[in-house]
Amino acid sequence: MSGRTANQVNLTGRRRRLAGELKRLRTEAGLTGEQVAERLASLGRWSASKVSRIETGRVAAHHGDVADLLDLYGLAGGPLRAELVEIARQGGKRGWWQSYQDVMPGHIAPILDFESASSAIHVMHNQLVPGLLQTAAYARALIRSCHPEAGPELVDRLVDLRLDRQKVLERDDPPRLSVVLDEAALRRPVGGAPAMRDQLRRLVEQSDAQRAVVQVIPFDAGEHTGLDMPFTILSFPGDDEPDVVYLEQYTTAWYIEEEYDVIRYNDYFDRLRKVALGPQESRTLIANTAEELR
C-alpha cells in the first residue's frame, strides 16, 4: 500500500474538482492539449504544457483562463460553469480553517480541504465517535487526553476547530456521511457517563435528521476487517475524480490515492456495512446504550 503524508499532499479538494472537470470537458470536446493551446494562442501565453499543468492541478488556474477554456469547450453558461469559475476565483483564498493555524496540527489541513469538496464521506472507527459527529463535551475529553499539557484556552480553540469542521454537514449540498462503528465506540464512556449519554443521543439525532447513516457492528459479530485501524474514504463530484482514503495517526496522516488500494478500502467498507446492524437497529442499540448510562 502506498500513500502520501500531509506534507506531500499539495492538490486540494477544490483544485482536484476543477482539474478533473476541465480534463473531462476537453476530452468531450474532442480536443488535445496542443489543439487547445493553438486555439487560445491569441488570448495569451498558452501551451500544451500549461493545459496539462492545469488539468493535473500542478498550478492554480486563473479564473480568466478557466473562463476561456470553458468558452472553447462550449460551456457558455449554467451552474457548472459558474461553479468552476468560482473555484478558480477562490483558489488563492484561505480556507475557513486558516484562522486556526496557530493551534491546528499540520497533518489535518488537507483532510479539511478534501471534506469541503467532497460529495460523500465514509468513516469506519473501532473505538471512537468520529469528529464530524462529536459533541463539544466528548471532543473536549478526547482533546484533553491527547494534549494533557494544553491549557484551557488551547483546549477551547481545538474544540472550536472540531465543531467548525462539522459545518460541512450543514451546507446546502452536504456530503453524504456514512459511518460504521464498532460497539466498543458506544461503550467507552469518554468524558464520563453524562457526556457519553449526550454523545449517543447526538448520534441518534443526526441519524434521525438524515445528516448521517450510522451503523454499529455488535460485539457478537466477532472479528471483522475494521478492528485494525480506523479509516475515512472521501468521494468527490464527477466520475473522473478518484476517491481518497485518509488514515490518521497521533502526529501524522496518510492520504492514499492509488486506485488498487482505494478499491480495497471501498470493499472493506462494503463488507463492514454488511456485518453491521441496519440503520434502524443501530439507532435502537445506540438509544438503549444511552439510557443505560446513569
C-alpha atoms as a PDB file:
ATOM      1  CA  MET A   1       0.000   0.000   0.000  1.00  0.00           C
ATOM      2  CA  SER A   2       1.354   3.413  -0.921  1.00  0.00           C
ATOM      3  CA  GLY A   3       0.278   6.834   0.213  1.00  0.00           C
ATOM      4  CA  ARG A   4       1.396  10.365   0.889  1.00  0.00           C
ATOM      5  CA  THR A   5       1.864  12.253   4.120  1.00  0.00           C
ATOM      6  CA  ALA A   6       0.104  15.561   4.693  1.00  0.00           C
ATOM      7  CA  ASN A   7       3.284  17.432   3.741  1.00  0.00           C
ATOM      8  CA  GLN A   8       3.270  15.676   0.364  1.00  0.00           C
ATOM      9  CA  VAL A   9      -0.381  16.422  -0.411  1.00  0.00           C
ATOM     10  CA  ASN A  10      -0.389  19.591  -2.490  1.00  0.00           C
ATOM     11  CA  LEU A  11      -3.534  19.110  -4.577  1.00  0.00           C
ATOM     12  CA  THR A  12      -6.506  20.353  -2.586  1.00  0.00           C
ATOM     13  CA  GLY A  13     -10.017  19.050  -2.889  1.00  0.00           C
ATOM     14  CA  ARG A  14     -11.195  22.145  -4.737  1.00  0.00           C
ATOM     15  CA  ARG A  15      -8.319  22.062  -7.212  1.00  0.00           C
ATOM     16  CA  ARG A  16      -8.931  18.350  -7.800  1.00  0.00           C
ATOM     17  CA  ARG A  17     -12.532  19.159  -8.683  1.00  0.00           C
ATOM     18  CA  LEU A  18     -11.552  21.901 -11.127  1.00  0.00           C
ATOM     19  CA  ALA A  19      -8.761  19.873 -12.746  1.00  0.00           C
ATOM     20  CA  GLY A  20     -10.925  16.798 -13.226  1.00  0.00           C
ATOM     21  CA  GLU A  21     -13.814  18.721 -14.768  1.00  0.00           C
ATOM     22  CA  LEU A  22     -11.576  20.659 -17.162  1.00  0.00           C
ATOM     23  CA  LYS A  23      -9.947  17.449 -18.384  1.00  0.00           C
ATOM     24  CA  ARG A  24     -13.357  15.806 -18.826  1.00  0.00           C
ATOM     25  CA  LEU A  25     -14.753  18.755 -20.764  1.00  0.00           C
ATOM     26  CA  ARG A  26     -11.702  18.917 -23.052  1.00  0.00           C
ATOM     27  CA  THR A  27     -11.985  15.199 -23.764  1.00  0.00           C
ATOM     28  CA  GLU A  28     -15.707  15.507 -24.508  1.00  0.00           C
ATOM     29  CA  ALA A  29     -14.935  18.388 -26.878  1.00  0.00           C
ATOM     30  CA  GLY A  30     -12.579  16.072 -28.770  1.00  0.00           C
ATOM     31  CA  LEU A  31      -9.551  18.320 -28.318  1.00  0.00           C
ATOM     32  CA  THR A  32      -5.937  17.594 -27.441  1.00  0.00           C
ATOM     33  CA  GLY A  33      -3.837  19.844 -25.257  1.00  0.00           C
ATOM     34  CA  GLU A  34      -1.945  21.038 -28.346  1.00  0.00           C
ATOM     35  CA  GLN A  35      -5.191  21.953 -30.097  1.00  0.00           C
ATOM     36  CA  VAL A  36      -6.417  23.883 -27.055  1.00  0.00           C
ATOM     37  CA  ALA A  37      -3.156  25.830 -26.922  1.00  0.00           C
ATOM     38  CA  GLU A  38      -3.357  26.638 -30.638  1.00  0.00           C
ATOM     39  CA  ARG A  39      -6.932  27.920 -30.440  1.00  0.00           C
ATOM     40  CA  LEU A  40      -6.257  30.056 -27.372  1.00  0.00           C
ATOM     41  CA  ALA A  41      -2.857  31.370 -28.515  1.00  0.00           C
ATOM     42  CA  SER A  42      -4.314  34.760 -29.422  1.00  0.00           C
ATOM     43  CA  LEU A  43      -5.544  35.216 -25.823  1.00  0.00           C
ATOM     44  CA  GLY A  44      -2.139  34.954 -24.175  1.00  0.00           C
ATOM     45  CA  ARG A  45       0.634  32.538 -23.319  1.00  0.00           C
ATOM     46  CA  TRP A  46      -0.992  29.183 -23.864  1.00  0.00           C
ATOM     47  CA  SER A  47       0.889  25.932 -24.427  1.00  0.00           C
ATOM     48  CA  ALA A  48       0.102  22.245 -24.229  1.00  0.00           C
ATOM     49  CA  SER A  49       2.179  22.056 -21.047  1.00  0.00           C
ATOM     50  CA  LYS A  50       0.100  24.823 -19.466  1.00  0.00           C
ATOM     51  CA  VAL A  51      -3.084  22.914 -20.262  1.00  0.00           C
ATOM     52  CA  SER A  52      -1.532  19.790 -18.747  1.00  0.00           C
ATOM     53  CA  ARG A  53      -0.429  21.598 -15.575  1.00  0.00           C
ATOM     54  CA  ILE A  54      -3.945  22.954 -15.070  1.00  0.00           C
ATOM     55  CA  GLU A  55      -5.554  19.547 -15.689  1.00  0.00           C
ATOM     56  CA  THR A  56      -3.217  17.813 -13.243  1.00  0.00           C
ATOM     57  CA  GLY A  57      -3.609  20.533 -10.636  1.00  0.00           C
ATOM     58  CA  ARG A  58       0.080  21.358 -10.575  1.00  0.00           C
ATOM     59  CA  VAL A  59      -0.742  25.051 -10.912  1.00  0.00           C
ATOM     60  CA  ALA A  60      -3.642  27.125  -9.653  1.00  0.00           C
ATOM     61  CA  ALA A  61      -5.675  28.191 -12.685  1.00  0.00           C
ATOM     62  CA  HIS A  62      -6.610  31.865 -13.011  1.00  0.00           C
ATOM     63  CA  HIS A  63     -10.373  32.349 -13.258  1.00  0.00           C
ATOM     64  CA  GLY A  64      -9.946  34.183 -16.573  1.00  0.00           C
ATOM     65  CA  ASP A  65      -8.070  31.200 -18.042  1.00  0.00           C
ATOM     66  CA  VAL A  66     -10.785  28.863 -16.810  1.00  0.00           C
ATOM     67  CA  ALA A  67     -13.461  31.030 -18.443  1.00  0.00           C
ATOM     68  CA  ASP A  68     -11.525  30.934 -21.743  1.00  0.00           C
ATOM     69  CA  LEU A  69     -11.235  27.147 -21.571  1.00  0.00           C
ATOM     70  CA  LEU A  70     -14.939  26.763 -20.837  1.00  0.00           C
ATOM     71  CA  ASP A  71     -15.829  29.019 -23.765  1.00  0.00           C
ATOM     72  CA  LEU A  72     -13.708  26.834 -26.020  1.00  0.00           C
ATOM     73  CA  TYR A  73     -15.335  23.677 -24.678  1.00  0.00           C
ATOM     74  CA  GLY A  74     -18.821  25.040 -25.339  1.00  0.00           C
ATOM     75  CA  LEU A  75     -19.830  25.576 -21.713  1.00  0.00           C
ATOM     76  CA  ALA A  76     -21.133  29.120 -22.137  1.00  0.00           C
ATOM     77  CA  GLY A  77     -23.367  29.195 -19.076  1.00  0.00           C
ATOM     78  CA  GLY A  78     -25.112  27.179 -16.413  1.00  0.00           C
ATOM     79  CA  PRO A  79     -24.352  26.160 -12.820  1.00  0.00           C
ATOM     80  CA  LEU A  80     -21.300  24.030 -13.664  1.00  0.00           C
ATOM     81  CA  ARG A  81     -19.562  26.925 -15.415  1.00  0.00           C
ATOM     82  CA  ALA A  82     -20.339  29.240 -12.510  1.00  0.00           C
ATOM     83  CA  GLU A  83     -19.023  26.675 -10.032  1.00  0.00           C
ATOM     84  CA  LEU A  84     -15.755  26.057 -11.872  1.00  0.00           C
ATOM     85  CA  VAL A  85     -15.010  29.746 -12.400  1.00  0.00           C
ATOM     86  CA  GLU A  86     -15.744  30.387  -8.730  1.00  0.00           C
ATOM     87  CA  ILE A  87     -13.403  27.564  -7.646  1.00  0.00           C
ATOM     88  CA  ALA A  88     -10.632  29.212  -9.659  1.00  0.00           C
ATOM     89  CA  ARG A  89     -11.529  32.643  -8.264  1.00  0.00           C
ATOM     90  CA  GLN A  90     -11.389  31.300  -4.711  1.00  0.00           C
ATOM     91  CA  GLY A  91      -8.199  29.326  -5.361  1.00  0.00           C
ATOM     92  CA  GLY A  92      -5.926  31.904  -3.804  1.00  0.00           C
ATOM     93  CA  LYS A  93      -8.121  32.495  -0.793  1.00  0.00           C
ATOM     94  CA  ARG A  94      -7.659  30.936   2.580  1.00  0.00           C
ATOM     95  CA  GLY A  95      -9.883  28.102   3.789  1.00  0.00           C
ATOM     96  CA  TRP A  96     -12.018  28.593   6.897  1.00  0.00           C
ATOM     97  CA  TRP A  97      -9.532  26.551   8.929  1.00  0.00           C
ATOM     98  CA  GLN A  98      -6.678  29.000   8.350  1.00  0.00           C
ATOM     99  CA  SER A  99      -7.842  31.028  11.336  1.00  0.00           C
ATOM    100  CA  TYR A 100      -6.855  28.028  13.464  1.00  0.00           C
ATOM    101  CA  GLN A 101      -3.323  27.743  12.086  1.00  0.00           C
ATOM    102  CA  ASP A 102      -1.838  28.687  15.445  1.00  0.00           C
ATOM    103  CA  VAL A 103      -3.276  25.548  17.079  1.00  0.00           C
ATOM    104  CA  MET A 104      -4.101  23.180  14.233  1.00  0.00           C
ATOM    105  CA  PRO A 105      -1.901  20.114  13.711  1.00  0.00           C
ATOM    106  CA  GLY A 106      -0.459  20.485  10.208  1.00  0.00           C
ATOM    107  CA  HIS A 107      -1.326  16.945   9.170  1.00  0.00           C
ATOM    108  CA  ILE A 108      -5.082  17.570   9.242  1.00  0.00           C
ATOM    109  CA  ALA A 109      -5.162  20.582   6.901  1.00  0.00           C
ATOM    110  CA  PRO A 110      -5.580  18.507   3.696  1.00  0.00           C
ATOM    111  CA  ILE A 111      -8.472  16.471   5.134  1.00  0.00           C
ATOM    112  CA  LEU A 112     -10.375  19.685   5.935  1.00  0.00           C
ATOM    113  CA  ASP A 113      -9.991  20.842   2.350  1.00  0.00           C
ATOM    114  CA  PHE A 114     -10.968  17.429   0.979  1.00  0.00           C
ATOM    115  CA  GLU A 115     -14.064  17.375   3.213  1.00  0.00           C
ATOM    116  CA  SER A 116     -15.113  20.794   1.942  1.00  0.00           C
ATOM    117  CA  ALA A 117     -15.057  19.493  -1.653  1.00  0.00           C
ATOM    118  CA  SER A 118     -16.469  16.019  -1.018  1.00  0.00           C
ATOM    119  CA  SER A 119     -19.797  14.594  -2.118  1.00  0.00           C
ATOM    120  CA  ALA A 120     -19.633  11.542   0.178  1.00  0.00           C
ATOM    121  CA  ILE A 121     -17.682  10.588   3.293  1.00  0.00           C
ATOM    122  CA  HIS A 122     -17.456   7.019   4.601  1.00  0.00           C
ATOM    123  CA  VAL A 123     -15.968   6.553   8.070  1.00  0.00           C
ATOM    124  CA  MET A 124     -15.061   3.401   9.965  1.00  0.00           C
ATOM    125  CA  HIS A 125     -13.981   3.677  13.608  1.00  0.00           C
ATOM    126  CA  ASN A 126     -13.492   0.862  16.044  1.00  0.00           C
ATOM    127  CA  GLN A 127     -13.075   2.870  19.255  1.00  0.00           C
ATOM    128  CA  LEU A 128     -14.433   6.397  18.963  1.00  0.00           C
ATOM    129  CA  VAL A 129     -17.237   8.517  17.540  1.00  0.00           C
ATOM    130  CA  PRO A 130     -15.746  10.365  14.528  1.00  0.00           C
ATOM    131  CA  GLY A 131     -15.052  14.069  14.780  1.00  0.00           C
ATOM    132  CA  LEU A 132     -17.829  15.083  12.383  1.00  0.00           C
ATOM    133  CA  LEU A 133     -20.412  13.770  14.874  1.00  0.00           C
ATOM    134  CA  GLN A 134     -18.831  14.615  18.224  1.00  0.00           C
ATOM    135  CA  THR A 135     -20.419  16.812  20.860  1.00  0.00           C
ATOM    136  CA  ALA A 136     -18.356  19.567  22.469  1.00  0.00           C
ATOM    137  CA  ALA A 137     -18.039  17.675  25.766  1.00  0.00           C
ATOM    138  CA  TYR A 138     -16.949  14.464  24.050  1.00  0.00           C
ATOM    139  CA  ALA A 139     -14.436  16.340  21.882  1.00  0.00           C
ATOM    140  CA  ARG A 140     -13.082  18.208  24.908  1.00  0.00           C
ATOM    141  CA  ALA A 141     -12.447  14.984  26.811  1.00  0.00           C
ATOM    142  CA  LEU A 142     -10.586  13.461  23.866  1.00  0.00           C
ATOM    143  CA  ILE A 143      -8.514  16.591  23.273  1.00  0.00           C
ATOM    144  CA  ARG A 144      -7.523  16.764  26.934  1.00  0.00           C
ATOM    145  CA  SER A 145      -6.464  13.129  26.885  1.00  0.00           C
ATOM    146  CA  CYS A 146      -4.324  13.665  23.763  1.00  0.00           C
ATOM    147  CA  HIS A 147      -2.894  17.002  24.951  1.00  0.00           C
ATOM    148  CA  PRO A 148      -2.546  16.747  28.741  1.00  0.00           C
ATOM    149  CA  GLU A 149      -0.124  19.675  28.735  1.00  0.00           C
ATOM    150  CA  ALA A 150      -2.590  22.035  27.000  1.00  0.00           C
ATOM    151  CA  GLY A 151      -4.068  24.939  28.913  1.00  0.00           C
ATOM    152  CA  PRO A 152      -7.795  25.802  28.916  1.00  0.00           C
ATOM    153  CA  GLU A 153      -7.509  28.370  26.100  1.00  0.00           C
ATOM    154  CA  LEU A 154      -5.768  25.934  23.749  1.00  0.00           C
ATOM    155  CA  VAL A 155      -8.301  23.213  24.527  1.00  0.00           C
ATOM    156  CA  ASP A 156     -11.153  25.648  23.813  1.00  0.00           C
ATOM    157  CA  ARG A 157      -9.624  26.555  20.441  1.00  0.00           C
ATOM    158  CA  LEU A 158      -9.190  22.917  19.457  1.00  0.00           C
ATOM    159  CA  VAL A 159     -12.789  22.156  20.435  1.00  0.00           C
ATOM    160  CA  ASP A 160     -13.984  25.115  18.345  1.00  0.00           C
ATOM    161  CA  LEU A 161     -11.954  23.825  15.399  1.00  0.00           C
ATOM    162  CA  ARG A 162     -13.600  20.427  15.669  1.00  0.00           C
ATOM    163  CA  LEU A 163     -17.105  21.895  15.886  1.00  0.00           C
ATOM    164  CA  ASP A 164     -16.500  24.274  12.969  1.00  0.00           C
ATOM    165  CA  ARG A 165     -15.383  21.261  10.954  1.00  0.00           C
ATOM    166  CA  GLN A 166     -18.886  19.842  11.359  1.00  0.00           C
ATOM    167  CA  LYS A 167     -20.437  22.769   9.476  1.00  0.00           C
ATOM    168  CA  VAL A 168     -19.691  20.926   6.235  1.00  0.00           C
ATOM    169  CA  LEU A 169     -22.778  18.839   7.085  1.00  0.00           C
ATOM    170  CA  GLU A 170     -24.921  21.986   7.273  1.00  0.00           C
ATOM    171  CA  ARG A 171     -24.212  23.409   3.829  1.00  0.00           C
ATOM    172  CA  ASP A 172     -26.874  23.405   1.092  1.00  0.00           C
ATOM    173  CA  ASP A 173     -25.380  20.326  -0.595  1.00  0.00           C
ATOM    174  CA  PRO A 174     -23.764  18.427   2.286  1.00  0.00           C
ATOM    175  CA  PRO A 175     -21.696  15.307   1.648  1.00  0.00           C
ATOM    176  CA  ARG A 176     -23.474  12.014   2.289  1.00  0.00           C
ATOM    177  CA  LEU A 177     -21.998  10.792   5.558  1.00  0.00           C
ATOM    178  CA  SER A 178     -21.982   7.064   6.247  1.00  0.00           C
ATOM    179  CA  VAL A 179     -20.431   5.827   9.485  1.00  0.00           C
ATOM    180  CA  VAL A 180     -19.732   2.313  10.713  1.00  0.00           C
ATOM    181  CA  LEU A 181     -18.814   1.984  14.389  1.00  0.00           C
ATOM    182  CA  ASP A 182     -17.747  -0.970  16.447  1.00  0.00           C
ATOM    183  CA  GLU A 183     -19.931  -1.367  19.537  1.00  0.00           C
ATOM    184  CA  ALA A 184     -16.826  -0.541  21.572  1.00  0.00           C
ATOM    185  CA  ALA A 185     -17.221   3.092  20.456  1.00  0.00           C
ATOM    186  CA  LEU A 186     -20.615   3.158  22.205  1.00  0.00           C
ATOM    187  CA  ARG A 187     -19.444   1.502  25.405  1.00  0.00           C
ATOM    188  CA  ARG A 188     -16.357   3.588  26.184  1.00  0.00           C
ATOM    189  CA  PRO A 189     -17.603   6.433  28.446  1.00  0.00           C
ATOM    190  CA  VAL A 190     -15.496   9.254  27.049  1.00  0.00           C
ATOM    191  CA  GLY A 191     -15.844  12.288  29.314  1.00  0.00           C
ATOM    192  CA  GLY A 192     -17.871  10.332  31.862  1.00  0.00           C
ATOM    193  CA  ALA A 193     -21.381   8.913  31.790  1.00  0.00           C
ATOM    194  CA  PRO A 194     -23.352  12.185  31.307  1.00  0.00           C
ATOM    195  CA  ALA A 195     -21.143  13.355  28.434  1.00  0.00           C
ATOM    196  CA  MET A 196     -21.291   9.945  26.803  1.00  0.00           C
ATOM    197  CA  ARG A 197     -25.054   9.765  27.137  1.00  0.00           C
ATOM    198  CA  ASP A 198     -25.379  13.130  25.374  1.00  0.00           C
ATOM    199  CA  GLN A 199     -22.978  11.947  22.690  1.00  0.00           C
ATOM    200  CA  LEU A 200     -25.021   8.825  21.985  1.00  0.00           C
ATOM    201  CA  ARG A 201     -28.205  10.855  21.842  1.00  0.00           C
ATOM    202  CA  ARG A 202     -26.487  13.148  19.352  1.00  0.00           C
ATOM    203  CA  LEU A 203     -25.752  10.145  17.144  1.00  0.00           C
ATOM    204  CA  VAL A 204     -29.421   9.195  17.200  1.00  0.00           C
ATOM    205  CA  GLU A 205     -30.482  12.777  16.413  1.00  0.00           C
ATOM    206  CA  GLN A 206     -28.074  13.106  13.494  1.00  0.00           C
ATOM    207  CA  SER A 207     -29.259   9.789  12.113  1.00  0.00           C
ATOM    208  CA  ASP A 208     -32.940  10.720  12.536  1.00  0.00           C
ATOM    209  CA  ALA A 209     -32.294  14.065  10.820  1.00  0.00           C
ATOM    210  CA  GLN A 210     -30.672  12.178   7.927  1.00  0.00           C
ATOM    211  CA  ARG A 211     -27.414  14.055   8.424  1.00  0.00           C
ATOM    212  CA  ALA A 212     -25.681  10.687   8.661  1.00  0.00           C
ATOM    213  CA  VAL A 213     -26.276   6.975   8.251  1.00  0.00           C
ATOM    214  CA  VAL A 214     -24.828   5.291  11.328  1.00  0.00           C
ATOM    215  CA  GLN A 215     -24.418   1.532  11.606  1.00  0.00           C
ATOM    216  CA  VAL A 216     -22.978  -0.422  14.503  1.00  0.00           C
ATOM    217  CA  ILE A 217     -21.118  -3.727  14.428  1.00  0.00           C
ATOM    218  CA  PRO A 218     -22.227  -5.514  17.618  1.00  0.00           C
ATOM    219  CA  PHE A 219     -19.801  -7.405  19.825  1.00  0.00           C
ATOM    220  CA  ASP A 220     -21.457 -10.706  18.964  1.00  0.00           C
ATOM    221  CA  ALA A 221     -20.401 -10.267  15.313  1.00  0.00           C
ATOM    222  CA  GLY A 222     -16.914 -11.295  16.433  1.00  0.00           C
ATOM    223  CA  GLU A 223     -13.828 -10.266  14.482  1.00  0.00           C
ATOM    224  CA  HIS A 224     -14.103  -8.004  11.447  1.00  0.00           C
ATOM    225  CA  THR A 225     -11.988  -6.077   8.944  1.00  0.00           C
ATOM    226  CA  GLY A 226     -12.215  -2.784  10.818  1.00  0.00           C
ATOM    227  CA  LEU A 227     -10.528  -3.965  14.004  1.00  0.00           C
ATOM    228  CA  ASP A 228      -7.082  -2.995  12.739  1.00  0.00           C
ATOM    229  CA  MET A 229      -7.295   0.725  12.010  1.00  0.00           C
ATOM    230  CA  PRO A 230      -9.962   3.405  11.547  1.00  0.00           C
ATOM    231  CA  PHE A 231     -10.175   4.926   8.070  1.00  0.00           C
ATOM    232  CA  THR A 232     -12.099   7.508   6.072  1.00  0.00           C
ATOM    233  CA  ILE A 233     -12.966   7.391   2.361  1.00  0.00           C
ATOM    234  CA  LEU A 234     -13.760  10.681   0.642  1.00  0.00           C
ATOM    235  CA  SER A 235     -15.552  10.806  -2.705  1.00  0.00           C
ATOM    236  CA  PHE A 236     -15.942  13.836  -4.951  1.00  0.00           C
ATOM    237  CA  PRO A 237     -18.404  15.052  -7.598  1.00  0.00           C
ATOM    238  CA  GLY A 238     -17.717  13.829 -11.099  1.00  0.00           C
ATOM    239  CA  ASP A 239     -16.954  10.353 -12.374  1.00  0.00           C
ATOM    240  CA  ASP A 240     -13.322  11.189 -13.161  1.00  0.00           C
ATOM    241  CA  GLU A 241     -12.322  12.247  -9.650  1.00  0.00           C
ATOM    242  CA  PRO A 242     -10.797   9.347  -7.712  1.00  0.00           C
ATOM    243  CA  ASP A 243     -11.566   8.738  -4.064  1.00  0.00           C
ATOM    244  CA  VAL A 244      -9.057   9.482  -1.320  1.00  0.00           C
ATOM    245  CA  VAL A 245      -8.523   7.280   1.743  1.00  0.00           C
ATOM    246  CA  TYR A 246      -7.462   9.079   4.909  1.00  0.00           C
ATOM    247  CA  LEU A 247      -5.585   7.345   7.727  1.00  0.00           C
ATOM    248  CA  GLU A 248      -4.939   9.499  10.782  1.00  0.00           C
ATOM    249  CA  GLN A 249      -2.365   8.815  13.472  1.00  0.00           C
ATOM    250  CA  TYR A 250      -1.291  10.800  16.520  1.00  0.00           C
ATOM    251  CA  THR A 251       1.238  13.102  14.821  1.00  0.00           C
ATOM    252  CA  THR A 252       0.753  12.396  11.121  1.00  0.00           C
ATOM    253  CA  ALA A 253      -1.699  11.220   8.492  1.00  0.00           C
ATOM    254  CA  TRP A 254      -1.595   9.250   5.256  1.00  0.00           C
ATOM    255  CA  TYR A 255      -3.551  10.048   2.118  1.00  0.00           C
ATOM    256  CA  ILE A 256      -3.989   7.062  -0.192  1.00  0.00           C
ATOM    257  CA  GLU A 257      -4.959   7.618  -3.833  1.00  0.00           C
ATOM    258  CA  GLU A 258      -3.661   4.544  -5.660  1.00  0.00           C
ATOM    259  CA  GLU A 259      -6.655   3.007  -7.436  1.00  0.00           C
ATOM    260  CA  TYR A 260      -5.947  -0.563  -6.294  1.00  0.00           C
ATOM    261  CA  ASP A 261      -5.667   0.439  -2.627  1.00  0.00           C
ATOM    262  CA  VAL A 262      -8.735   2.701  -2.760  1.00  0.00           C
ATOM    263  CA  ILE A 263     -10.799  -0.120  -4.278  1.00  0.00           C
ATOM    264  CA  ARG A 264      -9.706  -2.409  -1.437  1.00  0.00           C
ATOM    265  CA  TYR A 265     -10.792   0.108   1.184  1.00  0.00           C
ATOM    266  CA  ASN A 266     -14.156   0.565  -0.514  1.00  0.00           C
ATOM    267  CA  ASP A 267     -14.539  -3.218  -0.490  1.00  0.00           C
ATOM    268  CA  TYR A 268     -13.640  -3.267   3.219  1.00  0.00           C
ATOM    269  CA  PHE A 269     -16.277  -0.650   3.942  1.00  0.00           C
ATOM    270  CA  ASP A 270     -18.950  -2.520   1.994  1.00  0.00           C
ATOM    271  CA  ARG A 271     -18.162  -5.696   3.934  1.00  0.00           C
ATOM    272  CA  LEU A 272     -18.322  -3.829   7.226  1.00  0.00           C
ATOM    273  CA  ARG A 273     -21.749  -2.409   6.373  1.00  0.00           C
ATOM    274  CA  LYS A 274     -22.986  -5.925   5.679  1.00  0.00           C
ATOM    275  CA  VAL A 275     -21.672  -7.173   9.034  1.00  0.00           C
ATOM    276  CA  ALA A 276     -23.152  -4.201  10.904  1.00  0.00           C
ATOM    277  CA  LEU A 277     -26.711  -3.824  12.113  1.00  0.00           C
ATOM    278  CA  GLY A 278     -29.028  -1.894   9.820  1.00  0.00           C
ATOM    279  CA  PRO A 279     -29.540   1.843  10.432  1.00  0.00           C
ATOM    280  CA  GLN A 280     -32.783   1.381  12.421  1.00  0.00           C
ATOM    281  CA  GLU A 281     -31.408  -1.469  14.531  1.00  0.00           C
ATOM    282  CA  SER A 282     -28.291   0.582  15.126  1.00  0.00           C
ATOM    283  CA  ARG A 283     -30.325   3.587  16.290  1.00  0.00           C
ATOM    284  CA  THR A 284     -32.147   1.337  18.736  1.00  0.00           C
ATOM    285  CA  LEU A 285     -28.882  -0.041  20.100  1.00  0.00           C
ATOM    286  CA  ILE A 286     -27.387   3.440  20.428  1.00  0.00           C
ATOM    287  CA  ALA A 287     -30.500   4.795  22.164  1.00  0.00           C
ATOM    288  CA  ASN A 288     -30.665   1.847  24.564  1.00  0.00           C
ATOM    289  CA  THR A 289     -26.974   2.199  25.389  1.00  0.00           C
ATOM    290  CA  ALA A 290     -27.530   5.879  26.153  1.00  0.00           C
ATOM    291  CA  GLU A 291     -30.344   5.056  28.581  1.00  0.00           C
ATOM    292  CA  GLU A 292     -28.103   2.555  30.375  1.00  0.00           C
ATOM    293  CA  LEU A 293     -25.692   5.352  31.304  1.00  0.00           C
ATOM    294  CA  ARG A 294     -26.679   6.812  34.646  1.00  0.00           C
END
